[in-house]
Amino acid sequence: MNCRWPHPGPAPHGLYLITPDEADTARLLARTAPLLVAGAAWLQYRNKRAGDALRHEQASALQELCLQASVPLIVNDEVRLAKAVGAAGVHLGEDDGDIAAARAMLGTDAIIGSSCYDQLALAEAAVAAGADYVAFGAFFPTRSKSGTRHADPRLLGEAASLGVPRVAIGGITPDNARSLAEAGADLVAVISGVYDAADPVAAVHAYRRSFL
Protein backbone atom coordinates (compact mmCIF):
# COMPACT_ATOMS: atom_id res chain seq x y z
CA MET A 1 0.00 0.00 0.00
CA ASN A 2 1.20 3.49 -0.85
CA CYS A 3 0.11 5.01 2.44
CA ARG A 4 -1.01 8.62 2.56
CA TRP A 5 0.24 9.81 5.93
CA PRO A 6 0.42 13.62 6.12
CA HIS A 7 1.82 13.81 9.65
CA PRO A 8 5.39 13.94 11.03
CA GLY A 9 7.16 10.61 11.32
CA PRO A 10 6.35 7.29 9.70
CA ALA A 11 2.84 5.94 9.35
CA PRO A 12 1.70 4.07 12.48
CA HIS A 13 2.28 0.36 12.82
CA GLY A 14 1.61 -2.12 15.61
CA LEU A 15 -0.47 -1.78 18.77
CA TYR A 16 -3.21 0.85 19.12
CA LEU A 17 -3.88 0.71 22.87
CA ILE A 18 -7.29 1.79 24.17
CA THR A 19 -7.89 2.63 27.82
CA PRO A 20 -10.41 0.73 29.94
CA ASP A 21 -13.28 2.28 31.92
CA GLU A 22 -11.08 3.12 34.91
CA ALA A 23 -12.53 5.48 37.53
CA ASP A 24 -9.26 6.04 39.42
CA THR A 25 -7.06 8.46 37.46
CA ALA A 26 -3.90 7.68 39.39
CA ARG A 27 -4.42 3.96 38.81
CA LEU A 28 -5.11 4.54 35.12
CA LEU A 29 -1.83 6.42 34.76
CA ALA A 30 0.10 3.82 36.72
CA ARG A 31 -1.30 1.03 34.56
CA THR A 32 -0.72 2.89 31.30
CA ALA A 33 2.74 4.41 31.70
CA PRO A 34 4.71 1.14 31.37
CA LEU A 35 2.63 0.14 28.35
CA LEU A 36 3.65 3.27 26.47
CA VAL A 37 7.28 2.59 27.29
CA ALA A 38 6.84 -1.02 26.13
CA GLY A 39 5.97 0.16 22.65
CA ALA A 40 2.31 1.03 22.11
CA ALA A 41 2.17 3.01 18.86
CA TRP A 42 -0.88 5.06 19.82
CA LEU A 43 -3.08 5.48 22.88
CA GLN A 44 -6.80 6.14 22.68
CA TYR A 45 -8.57 7.57 25.69
CA ARG A 46 -11.99 5.95 26.06
CA ASN A 47 -14.08 5.90 29.23
CA LYS A 48 -17.79 5.37 28.67
CA ARG A 49 -18.62 5.42 32.38
CA ALA A 50 -16.97 8.72 33.34
CA GLY A 51 -18.65 12.10 33.63
CA ASP A 52 -17.37 15.21 31.89
CA ALA A 53 -15.12 16.35 34.74
CA LEU A 54 -13.44 12.98 35.14
CA ARG A 55 -12.96 12.58 31.40
CA HIS A 56 -11.26 15.97 31.24
CA GLU A 57 -9.06 15.11 34.21
CA GLN A 58 -8.03 11.76 32.78
CA ALA A 59 -7.51 12.97 29.22
CA SER A 60 -5.34 15.86 30.46
CA ALA A 61 -3.23 13.54 32.58
CA LEU A 62 -2.86 11.00 29.78
CA GLN A 63 -1.85 13.74 27.35
CA GLU A 64 1.06 14.65 29.64
CA LEU A 65 2.01 10.99 29.89
CA CYS A 66 1.87 10.57 26.13
CA LEU A 67 3.98 13.66 25.52
CA GLN A 68 6.66 12.23 27.79
CA ALA A 69 6.58 8.92 25.90
CA SER A 70 6.24 10.50 22.42
CA VAL A 71 3.05 8.52 21.82
CA PRO A 72 0.08 10.27 20.14
CA LEU A 73 -3.06 10.49 22.26
CA ILE A 74 -6.33 10.03 20.38
CA VAL A 75 -9.58 10.88 22.17
CA ASN A 76 -12.60 8.69 21.51
CA ASP A 77 -15.74 10.46 20.26
CA GLU A 78 -15.23 13.91 21.78
CA VAL A 79 -13.75 16.55 19.50
CA ARG A 80 -14.04 19.34 22.05
CA LEU A 81 -12.26 17.29 24.70
CA ALA A 82 -9.47 16.46 22.26
CA LYS A 83 -9.01 20.14 21.54
CA ALA A 84 -9.23 21.15 25.22
CA VAL A 85 -6.40 18.85 26.30
CA GLY A 86 -4.24 19.29 23.20
CA ALA A 87 -4.54 15.67 22.11
CA ALA A 88 -3.04 14.51 18.83
CA GLY A 89 -6.46 13.71 17.44
CA VAL A 90 -9.89 12.16 17.73
CA HIS A 91 -11.61 8.92 16.77
CA LEU A 92 -15.18 9.22 15.53
CA GLY A 93 -17.90 6.59 15.29
CA GLU A 94 -20.71 6.90 12.78
CA ASP A 95 -22.84 8.89 15.26
CA ASP A 96 -20.05 11.01 16.78
CA GLY A 97 -19.93 13.97 14.44
CA ASP A 98 -18.69 15.13 11.10
CA ILE A 99 -15.09 14.57 10.01
CA ALA A 100 -14.88 17.91 8.24
CA ALA A 101 -16.18 19.72 11.34
CA ALA A 102 -13.64 17.91 13.50
CA ARG A 103 -10.88 18.93 11.10
CA ALA A 104 -12.03 22.55 11.22
CA MET A 105 -11.91 22.52 15.02
CA LEU A 106 -8.68 20.55 15.50
CA GLY A 107 -6.66 21.77 12.54
CA THR A 108 -4.67 20.21 9.74
CA ASP A 109 -2.16 18.52 12.06
CA ALA A 110 -4.78 16.51 13.95
CA ILE A 111 -5.08 12.75 13.45
CA ILE A 112 -8.71 11.94 12.71
CA GLY A 113 -9.93 8.36 12.54
CA SER A 114 -13.26 6.85 11.65
CA SER A 115 -15.04 3.65 12.65
CA CYS A 116 -16.17 1.86 9.49
CA TYR A 117 -17.36 -1.38 11.08
CA ASP A 118 -17.94 -3.92 8.32
CA GLN A 119 -18.44 -1.55 5.39
CA LEU A 120 -15.92 -0.50 2.78
CA ALA A 121 -18.32 2.22 1.64
CA LEU A 122 -18.09 3.91 5.03
CA ALA A 123 -14.31 3.87 4.77
CA GLU A 124 -14.40 5.35 1.29
CA ALA A 125 -16.66 8.15 2.49
CA ALA A 126 -14.50 8.78 5.55
CA VAL A 127 -11.31 9.09 3.52
CA ALA A 128 -13.07 11.37 1.03
CA ALA A 129 -14.10 13.56 3.98
CA GLY A 130 -10.52 13.75 5.23
CA ALA A 131 -10.04 10.87 7.68
CA ASP A 132 -6.40 9.95 8.33
CA TYR A 133 -7.16 6.32 9.19
CA VAL A 134 -10.07 3.91 9.11
CA ALA A 135 -11.02 1.22 11.61
CA PHE A 136 -12.85 -2.02 10.88
CA GLY A 137 -14.34 -4.61 13.22
CA ALA A 138 -15.26 -6.45 15.26
CA PHE A 139 -13.24 -9.28 13.78
CA PHE A 140 -13.69 -11.58 16.79
CA PRO A 141 -16.16 -11.72 19.72
CA THR A 142 -15.53 -8.89 22.18
CA ARG A 143 -16.69 -7.95 25.66
CA SER A 144 -15.80 -4.26 25.30
CA LYS A 145 -18.77 -3.23 23.19
CA SER A 146 -22.22 -4.74 22.87
CA GLY A 147 -24.02 -5.15 19.57
CA THR A 148 -20.89 -5.13 17.44
CA ARG A 149 -20.98 -5.93 13.74
CA HIS A 150 -18.75 -8.69 12.44
CA ALA A 151 -16.13 -7.76 9.84
CA ASP A 152 -14.42 -10.16 7.45
CA PRO A 153 -10.59 -9.92 7.41
CA ARG A 154 -10.73 -9.65 3.62
CA LEU A 155 -12.07 -6.13 4.16
CA LEU A 156 -8.61 -5.04 5.29
CA GLY A 157 -7.13 -6.00 1.96
CA GLU A 158 -9.97 -4.43 0.02
CA ALA A 159 -9.34 -1.14 1.83
CA ALA A 160 -5.67 -1.01 0.80
CA SER A 161 -6.50 1.18 -2.20
CA LEU A 162 -7.73 3.93 0.13
CA GLY A 163 -4.13 4.71 0.96
CA VAL A 164 -4.58 5.32 4.70
CA PRO A 165 -3.65 3.19 7.73
CA ARG A 166 -6.15 0.43 8.52
CA VAL A 167 -7.02 -0.43 12.11
CA ALA A 168 -8.48 -3.79 13.16
CA ILE A 169 -10.55 -3.97 16.34
CA GLY A 170 -12.65 -6.44 18.28
CA GLY A 171 -11.59 -9.45 20.30
CA ILE A 172 -7.98 -9.35 19.13
CA THR A 173 -5.49 -11.46 21.06
CA PRO A 174 -1.77 -12.10 20.57
CA ASP A 175 -2.78 -15.43 19.04
CA ASN A 176 -5.03 -14.01 16.32
CA ALA A 177 -3.40 -10.61 15.73
CA ARG A 178 -0.92 -11.93 13.17
CA SER A 179 -3.71 -13.13 10.90
CA LEU A 180 -5.08 -9.59 10.78
CA ALA A 181 -1.65 -8.08 10.17
CA GLU A 182 -1.19 -10.49 7.30
CA ALA A 183 -4.63 -9.54 5.97
CA GLY A 184 -3.57 -5.89 5.83
CA ALA A 185 -4.05 -4.29 9.25
CA ASP A 186 -1.51 -1.61 10.07
CA LEU A 187 -2.64 -1.43 13.69
CA VAL A 188 -4.61 -3.66 16.05
CA ALA A 189 -6.73 -1.86 18.63
CA VAL A 190 -6.86 -3.58 22.01
CA ILE A 191 -8.25 -2.95 25.50
CA SER A 192 -8.67 -6.09 27.60
CA GLY A 193 -6.03 -8.08 25.71
CA VAL A 194 -3.45 -5.82 27.33
CA TYR A 195 -5.00 -4.28 30.44
CA ASP A 196 -6.53 -7.56 31.66
CA ALA A 197 -3.48 -9.68 30.82
CA ALA A 198 -1.53 -11.35 33.61
CA ASP A 199 1.53 -9.43 32.37
CA PRO A 200 0.38 -6.35 30.43
CA VAL A 201 3.89 -5.35 29.34
CA ALA A 202 4.53 -8.83 27.95
CA ALA A 203 1.19 -8.59 26.14
CA VAL A 204 2.30 -5.35 24.45
CA HIS A 205 5.44 -7.10 23.21
CA ALA A 206 3.39 -10.06 21.99
CA TYR A 207 1.10 -7.82 19.93
CA ARG A 208 4.08 -6.00 18.48
CA ARG A 209 5.65 -9.30 17.39
CA SER A 210 2.56 -9.98 15.29
CA PHE A 211 3.79 -7.31 12.88
CA LEU A 212 7.36 -8.58 12.56
C-alpha atoms as a PDB file:
ATOM      1  CA  MET A   1       0.000   0.000   0.000  1.00  0.00           C
ATOM      2  CA  ASN A   2       1.199   3.487  -0.847  1.00  0.00           C
ATOM      3  CA  CYS A   3       0.113   5.009   2.444  1.00  0.00           C
ATOM      4  CA  ARG A   4      -1.013   8.618   2.557  1.00  0.00           C
ATOM      5  CA  TRP A   5       0.238   9.813   5.934  1.00  0.00           C
ATOM      6  CA  PRO A   6       0.425  13.620   6.123  1.00  0.00           C
ATOM      7  CA  HIS A   7       1.821  13.814   9.647  1.00  0.00           C
ATOM      8  CA  PRO A   8       5.387  13.939  11.032  1.00  0.00           C
ATOM      9  CA  GLY A   9       7.160  10.614  11.315  1.00  0.00           C
ATOM     10  CA  PRO A  10       6.351   7.287   9.697  1.00  0.00           C
ATOM     11  CA  ALA A  11       2.838   5.937   9.352  1.00  0.00           C
ATOM     12  CA  PRO A  12       1.702   4.069  12.484  1.00  0.00           C
ATOM     13  CA  HIS A  13       2.280   0.355  12.818  1.00  0.00           C
ATOM     14  CA  GLY A  14       1.609  -2.117  15.610  1.00  0.00           C
ATOM     15  CA  LEU A  15      -0.472  -1.777  18.773  1.00  0.00           C
ATOM     16  CA  TYR A  16      -3.207   0.846  19.121  1.00  0.00           C
ATOM     17  CA  LEU A  17      -3.880   0.714  22.867  1.00  0.00           C
ATOM     18  CA  ILE A  18      -7.291   1.795  24.175  1.00  0.00           C
ATOM     19  CA  THR A  19      -7.887   2.630  27.820  1.00  0.00           C
ATOM     20  CA  PRO A  20     -10.413   0.726  29.945  1.00  0.00           C
ATOM     21  CA  ASP A  21     -13.276   2.280  31.925  1.00  0.00           C
ATOM     22  CA  GLU A  22     -11.081   3.119  34.915  1.00  0.00           C
ATOM     23  CA  ALA A  23     -12.532   5.484  37.535  1.00  0.00           C
ATOM     24  CA  ASP A  24      -9.260   6.041  39.420  1.00  0.00           C
ATOM     25  CA  THR A  25      -7.063   8.455  37.455  1.00  0.00           C
ATOM     26  CA  ALA A  26      -3.895   7.680  39.389  1.00  0.00           C
ATOM     27  CA  ARG A  27      -4.417   3.958  38.814  1.00  0.00           C
ATOM     28  CA  LEU A  28      -5.111   4.542  35.118  1.00  0.00           C
ATOM     29  CA  LEU A  29      -1.833   6.424  34.756  1.00  0.00           C
ATOM     30  CA  ALA A  30       0.103   3.820  36.721  1.00  0.00           C
ATOM     31  CA  ARG A  31      -1.301   1.032  34.555  1.00  0.00           C
ATOM     32  CA  THR A  32      -0.722   2.890  31.297  1.00  0.00           C
ATOM     33  CA  ALA A  33       2.736   4.408  31.696  1.00  0.00           C
ATOM     34  CA  PRO A  34       4.708   1.137  31.372  1.00  0.00           C
ATOM     35  CA  LEU A  35       2.630   0.136  28.350  1.00  0.00           C
ATOM     36  CA  LEU A  36       3.650   3.268  26.470  1.00  0.00           C
ATOM     37  CA  VAL A  37       7.285   2.592  27.291  1.00  0.00           C
ATOM     38  CA  ALA A  38       6.838  -1.020  26.133  1.00  0.00           C
ATOM     39  CA  GLY A  39       5.971   0.164  22.652  1.00  0.00           C
ATOM     40  CA  ALA A  40       2.312   1.032  22.107  1.00  0.00           C
ATOM     41  CA  ALA A  41       2.174   3.007  18.860  1.00  0.00           C
ATOM     42  CA  TRP A  42      -0.880   5.056  19.816  1.00  0.00           C
ATOM     43  CA  LEU A  43      -3.077   5.476  22.876  1.00  0.00           C
ATOM     44  CA  GLN A  44      -6.800   6.138  22.675  1.00  0.00           C
ATOM     45  CA  TYR A  45      -8.575   7.565  25.693  1.00  0.00           C
ATOM     46  CA  ARG A  46     -11.987   5.953  26.057  1.00  0.00           C
ATOM     47  CA  ASN A  47     -14.080   5.903  29.230  1.00  0.00           C
ATOM     48  CA  LYS A  48     -17.792   5.371  28.672  1.00  0.00           C
ATOM     49  CA  ARG A  49     -18.622   5.418  32.381  1.00  0.00           C
ATOM     50  CA  ALA A  50     -16.974   8.717  33.343  1.00  0.00           C
ATOM     51  CA  GLY A  51     -18.650  12.100  33.631  1.00  0.00           C
ATOM     52  CA  ASP A  52     -17.370  15.207  31.891  1.00  0.00           C
ATOM     53  CA  ALA A  53     -15.115  16.349  34.741  1.00  0.00           C
ATOM     54  CA  LEU A  54     -13.436  12.978  35.139  1.00  0.00           C
ATOM     55  CA  ARG A  55     -12.958  12.584  31.401  1.00  0.00           C
ATOM     56  CA  HIS A  56     -11.262  15.970  31.242  1.00  0.00           C
ATOM     57  CA  GLU A  57      -9.058  15.112  34.214  1.00  0.00           C
ATOM     58  CA  GLN A  58      -8.033  11.757  32.777  1.00  0.00           C
ATOM     59  CA  ALA A  59      -7.512  12.975  29.218  1.00  0.00           C
ATOM     60  CA  SER A  60      -5.342  15.855  30.455  1.00  0.00           C
ATOM     61  CA  ALA A  61      -3.232  13.536  32.581  1.00  0.00           C
ATOM     62  CA  LEU A  62      -2.863  11.002  29.777  1.00  0.00           C
ATOM     63  CA  GLN A  63      -1.851  13.741  27.351  1.00  0.00           C
ATOM     64  CA  GLU A  64       1.060  14.651  29.638  1.00  0.00           C
ATOM     65  CA  LEU A  65       2.010  10.987  29.891  1.00  0.00           C
ATOM     66  CA  CYS A  66       1.870  10.571  26.125  1.00  0.00           C
ATOM     67  CA  LEU A  67       3.982  13.656  25.520  1.00  0.00           C
ATOM     68  CA  GLN A  68       6.657  12.229  27.793  1.00  0.00           C
ATOM     69  CA  ALA A  69       6.577   8.919  25.902  1.00  0.00           C
ATOM     70  CA  SER A  70       6.237  10.497  22.419  1.00  0.00           C
ATOM     71  CA  VAL A  71       3.046   8.521  21.818  1.00  0.00           C
ATOM     72  CA  PRO A  72       0.083  10.268  20.141  1.00  0.00           C
ATOM     73  CA  LEU A  73      -3.061  10.486  22.260  1.00  0.00           C
ATOM     74  CA  ILE A  74      -6.331  10.025  20.378  1.00  0.00           C
ATOM     75  CA  VAL A  75      -9.584  10.885  22.172  1.00  0.00           C
ATOM     76  CA  ASN A  76     -12.598   8.694  21.505  1.00  0.00           C
ATOM     77  CA  ASP A  77     -15.744  10.460  20.259  1.00  0.00           C
ATOM     78  CA  GLU A  78     -15.231  13.907  21.785  1.00  0.00           C
ATOM     79  CA  VAL A  79     -13.749  16.554  19.495  1.00  0.00           C
ATOM     80  CA  ARG A  80     -14.038  19.344  22.052  1.00  0.00           C
ATOM     81  CA  LEU A  81     -12.265  17.287  24.696  1.00  0.00           C
ATOM     82  CA  ALA A  82      -9.471  16.455  22.264  1.00  0.00           C
ATOM     83  CA  LYS A  83      -9.008  20.142  21.545  1.00  0.00           C
ATOM     84  CA  ALA A  84      -9.225  21.149  25.215  1.00  0.00           C
ATOM     85  CA  VAL A  85      -6.400  18.852  26.304  1.00  0.00           C
ATOM     86  CA  GLY A  86      -4.241  19.287  23.201  1.00  0.00           C
ATOM     87  CA  ALA A  87      -4.536  15.665  22.112  1.00  0.00           C
ATOM     88  CA  ALA A  88      -3.043  14.506  18.832  1.00  0.00           C
ATOM     89  CA  GLY A  89      -6.463  13.707  17.443  1.00  0.00           C
ATOM     90  CA  VAL A  90      -9.888  12.164  17.732  1.00  0.00           C
ATOM     91  CA  HIS A  91     -11.608   8.922  16.775  1.00  0.00           C
ATOM     92  CA  LEU A  92     -15.180   9.216  15.525  1.00  0.00           C
ATOM     93  CA  GLY A  93     -17.901   6.591  15.288  1.00  0.00           C
ATOM     94  CA  GLU A  94     -20.715   6.897  12.783  1.00  0.00           C
ATOM     95  CA  ASP A  95     -22.842   8.891  15.263  1.00  0.00           C
ATOM     96  CA  ASP A  96     -20.049  11.009  16.776  1.00  0.00           C
ATOM     97  CA  GLY A  97     -19.931  13.970  14.442  1.00  0.00           C
ATOM     98  CA  ASP A  98     -18.688  15.132  11.097  1.00  0.00           C
ATOM     99  CA  ILE A  99     -15.088  14.571  10.011  1.00  0.00           C
ATOM    100  CA  ALA A 100     -14.878  17.913   8.240  1.00  0.00           C
ATOM    101  CA  ALA A 101     -16.183  19.719  11.338  1.00  0.00           C
ATOM    102  CA  ALA A 102     -13.635  17.907  13.499  1.00  0.00           C
ATOM    103  CA  ARG A 103     -10.882  18.934  11.097  1.00  0.00           C
ATOM    104  CA  ALA A 104     -12.029  22.551  11.219  1.00  0.00           C
ATOM    105  CA  MET A 105     -11.907  22.524  15.015  1.00  0.00           C
ATOM    106  CA  LEU A 106      -8.683  20.555  15.505  1.00  0.00           C
ATOM    107  CA  GLY A 107      -6.656  21.771  12.535  1.00  0.00           C
ATOM    108  CA  THR A 108      -4.674  20.212   9.743  1.00  0.00           C
ATOM    109  CA  ASP A 109      -2.158  18.522  12.061  1.00  0.00           C
ATOM    110  CA  ALA A 110      -4.785  16.505  13.947  1.00  0.00           C
ATOM    111  CA  ILE A 111      -5.084  12.753  13.448  1.00  0.00           C
ATOM    112  CA  ILE A 112      -8.714  11.937  12.711  1.00  0.00           C
ATOM    113  CA  GLY A 113      -9.926   8.358  12.542  1.00  0.00           C
ATOM    114  CA  SER A 114     -13.258   6.853  11.655  1.00  0.00           C
ATOM    115  CA  SER A 115     -15.043   3.647  12.653  1.00  0.00           C
ATOM    116  CA  CYS A 116     -16.165   1.863   9.491  1.00  0.00           C
ATOM    117  CA  TYR A 117     -17.357  -1.377  11.084  1.00  0.00           C
ATOM    118  CA  ASP A 118     -17.940  -3.917   8.325  1.00  0.00           C
ATOM    119  CA  GLN A 119     -18.439  -1.554   5.389  1.00  0.00           C
ATOM    120  CA  LEU A 120     -15.915  -0.497   2.783  1.00  0.00           C
ATOM    121  CA  ALA A 121     -18.317   2.216   1.635  1.00  0.00           C
ATOM    122  CA  LEU A 122     -18.092   3.914   5.034  1.00  0.00           C
ATOM    123  CA  ALA A 123     -14.308   3.866   4.773  1.00  0.00           C
ATOM    124  CA  GLU A 124     -14.396   5.346   1.286  1.00  0.00           C
ATOM    125  CA  ALA A 125     -16.665   8.149   2.487  1.00  0.00           C
ATOM    126  CA  ALA A 126     -14.500   8.783   5.549  1.00  0.00           C
ATOM    127  CA  VAL A 127     -11.314   9.093   3.521  1.00  0.00           C
ATOM    128  CA  ALA A 128     -13.069  11.365   1.034  1.00  0.00           C
ATOM    129  CA  ALA A 129     -14.096  13.563   3.977  1.00  0.00           C
ATOM    130  CA  GLY A 130     -10.518  13.747   5.226  1.00  0.00           C
ATOM    131  CA  ALA A 131     -10.037  10.868   7.676  1.00  0.00           C
ATOM    132  CA  ASP A 132      -6.401   9.948   8.335  1.00  0.00           C
ATOM    133  CA  TYR A 133      -7.160   6.320   9.191  1.00  0.00           C
ATOM    134  CA  VAL A 134     -10.072   3.909   9.109  1.00  0.00           C
ATOM    135  CA  ALA A 135     -11.020   1.216  11.613  1.00  0.00           C
ATOM    136  CA  PHE A 136     -12.854  -2.020  10.881  1.00  0.00           C
ATOM    137  CA  GLY A 137     -14.343  -4.612  13.223  1.00  0.00           C
ATOM    138  CA  ALA A 138     -15.258  -6.445  15.259  1.00  0.00           C
ATOM    139  CA  PHE A 139     -13.240  -9.283  13.775  1.00  0.00           C
ATOM    140  CA  PHE A 140     -13.694 -11.576  16.787  1.00  0.00           C
ATOM    141  CA  PRO A 141     -16.159 -11.721  19.723  1.00  0.00           C
ATOM    142  CA  THR A 142     -15.532  -8.890  22.175  1.00  0.00           C
ATOM    143  CA  ARG A 143     -16.693  -7.951  25.656  1.00  0.00           C
ATOM    144  CA  SER A 144     -15.795  -4.263  25.298  1.00  0.00           C
ATOM    145  CA  LYS A 145     -18.765  -3.231  23.192  1.00  0.00           C
ATOM    146  CA  SER A 146     -22.218  -4.745  22.865  1.00  0.00           C
ATOM    147  CA  GLY A 147     -24.022  -5.152  19.566  1.00  0.00           C
ATOM    148  CA  THR A 148     -20.888  -5.127  17.437  1.00  0.00           C
ATOM    149  CA  ARG A 149     -20.982  -5.931  13.744  1.00  0.00           C
ATOM    150  CA  HIS A 150     -18.752  -8.688  12.436  1.00  0.00           C
ATOM    151  CA  ALA A 151     -16.130  -7.755   9.843  1.00  0.00           C
ATOM    152  CA  ASP A 152     -14.416 -10.155   7.449  1.00  0.00           C
ATOM    153  CA  PRO A 153     -10.585  -9.920   7.406  1.00  0.00           C
ATOM    154  CA  ARG A 154     -10.733  -9.654   3.621  1.00  0.00           C
ATOM    155  CA  LEU A 155     -12.066  -6.131   4.155  1.00  0.00           C
ATOM    156  CA  LEU A 156      -8.607  -5.044   5.290  1.00  0.00           C
ATOM    157  CA  GLY A 157      -7.125  -6.000   1.955  1.00  0.00           C
ATOM    158  CA  GLU A 158      -9.970  -4.431   0.023  1.00  0.00           C
ATOM    159  CA  ALA A 159      -9.336  -1.137   1.828  1.00  0.00           C
ATOM    160  CA  ALA A 160      -5.670  -1.006   0.797  1.00  0.00           C
ATOM    161  CA  SER A 161      -6.503   1.180  -2.195  1.00  0.00           C
ATOM    162  CA  LEU A 162      -7.730   3.927   0.125  1.00  0.00           C
ATOM    163  CA  GLY A 163      -4.127   4.713   0.959  1.00  0.00           C
ATOM    164  CA  VAL A 164      -4.582   5.316   4.703  1.00  0.00           C
ATOM    165  CA  PRO A 165      -3.654   3.189   7.729  1.00  0.00           C
ATOM    166  CA  ARG A 166      -6.152   0.431   8.518  1.00  0.00           C
ATOM    167  CA  VAL A 167      -7.015  -0.433  12.110  1.00  0.00           C
ATOM    168  CA  ALA A 168      -8.478  -3.787  13.155  1.00  0.00           C
ATOM    169  CA  ILE A 169     -10.546  -3.969  16.336  1.00  0.00           C
ATOM    170  CA  GLY A 170     -12.645  -6.436  18.276  1.00  0.00           C
ATOM    171  CA  GLY A 171     -11.590  -9.454  20.298  1.00  0.00           C
ATOM    172  CA  ILE A 172      -7.983  -9.347  19.129  1.00  0.00           C
ATOM    173  CA  THR A 173      -5.490 -11.464  21.064  1.00  0.00           C
ATOM    174  CA  PRO A 174      -1.766 -12.101  20.569  1.00  0.00           C
ATOM    175  CA  ASP A 175      -2.783 -15.432  19.039  1.00  0.00           C
ATOM    176  CA  ASN A 176      -5.027 -14.009  16.320  1.00  0.00           C
ATOM    177  CA  ALA A 177      -3.403 -10.615  15.731  1.00  0.00           C
ATOM    178  CA  ARG A 178      -0.916 -11.932  13.171  1.00  0.00           C
ATOM    179  CA  SER A 179      -3.714 -13.134  10.901  1.00  0.00           C
ATOM    180  CA  LEU A 180      -5.080  -9.586  10.784  1.00  0.00           C
ATOM    181  CA  ALA A 181      -1.653  -8.080  10.173  1.00  0.00           C
ATOM    182  CA  GLU A 182      -1.189 -10.492   7.295  1.00  0.00           C
ATOM    183  CA  ALA A 183      -4.635  -9.539   5.966  1.00  0.00           C
ATOM    184  CA  GLY A 184      -3.573  -5.894   5.828  1.00  0.00           C
ATOM    185  CA  ALA A 185      -4.046  -4.291   9.248  1.00  0.00           C
ATOM    186  CA  ASP A 186      -1.511  -1.610  10.069  1.00  0.00           C
ATOM    187  CA  LEU A 187      -2.644  -1.432  13.692  1.00  0.00           C
ATOM    188  CA  VAL A 188      -4.611  -3.662  16.051  1.00  0.00           C
ATOM    189  CA  ALA A 189      -6.733  -1.861  18.634  1.00  0.00           C
ATOM    190  CA  VAL A 190      -6.862  -3.578  22.014  1.00  0.00           C
ATOM    191  CA  ILE A 191      -8.255  -2.945  25.497  1.00  0.00           C
ATOM    192  CA  SER A 192      -8.667  -6.091  27.596  1.00  0.00           C
ATOM    193  CA  GLY A 193      -6.025  -8.081  25.710  1.00  0.00           C
ATOM    194  CA  VAL A 194      -3.452  -5.824  27.332  1.00  0.00           C
ATOM    195  CA  TYR A 195      -4.999  -4.279  30.442  1.00  0.00           C
ATOM    196  CA  ASP A 196      -6.528  -7.560  31.661  1.00  0.00           C
ATOM    197  CA  ALA A 197      -3.482  -9.680  30.821  1.00  0.00           C
ATOM    198  CA  ALA A 198      -1.525 -11.355  33.607  1.00  0.00           C
ATOM    199  CA  ASP A 199       1.533  -9.435  32.374  1.00  0.00           C
ATOM    200  CA  PRO A 200       0.379  -6.349  30.431  1.00  0.00           C
ATOM    201  CA  VAL A 201       3.889  -5.352  29.336  1.00  0.00           C
ATOM    202  CA  ALA A 202       4.532  -8.831  27.950  1.00  0.00           C
ATOM    203  CA  ALA A 203       1.192  -8.587  26.143  1.00  0.00           C
ATOM    204  CA  VAL A 204       2.305  -5.353  24.449  1.00  0.00           C
ATOM    205  CA  HIS A 205       5.443  -7.101  23.212  1.00  0.00           C
ATOM    206  CA  ALA A 206       3.393 -10.060  21.990  1.00  0.00           C
ATOM    207  CA  TYR A 207       1.098  -7.824  19.932  1.00  0.00           C
ATOM    208  CA  ARG A 208       4.085  -6.000  18.479  1.00  0.00           C
ATOM    209  CA  ARG A 209       5.645  -9.297  17.393  1.00  0.00           C
ATOM    210  CA  SER A 210       2.559  -9.978  15.294  1.00  0.00           C
ATOM    211  CA  PHE A 211       3.794  -7.315  12.883  1.00  0.00           C
ATOM    212  CA  LEU A 212       7.365  -8.578  12.558  1.00  0.00           C
END
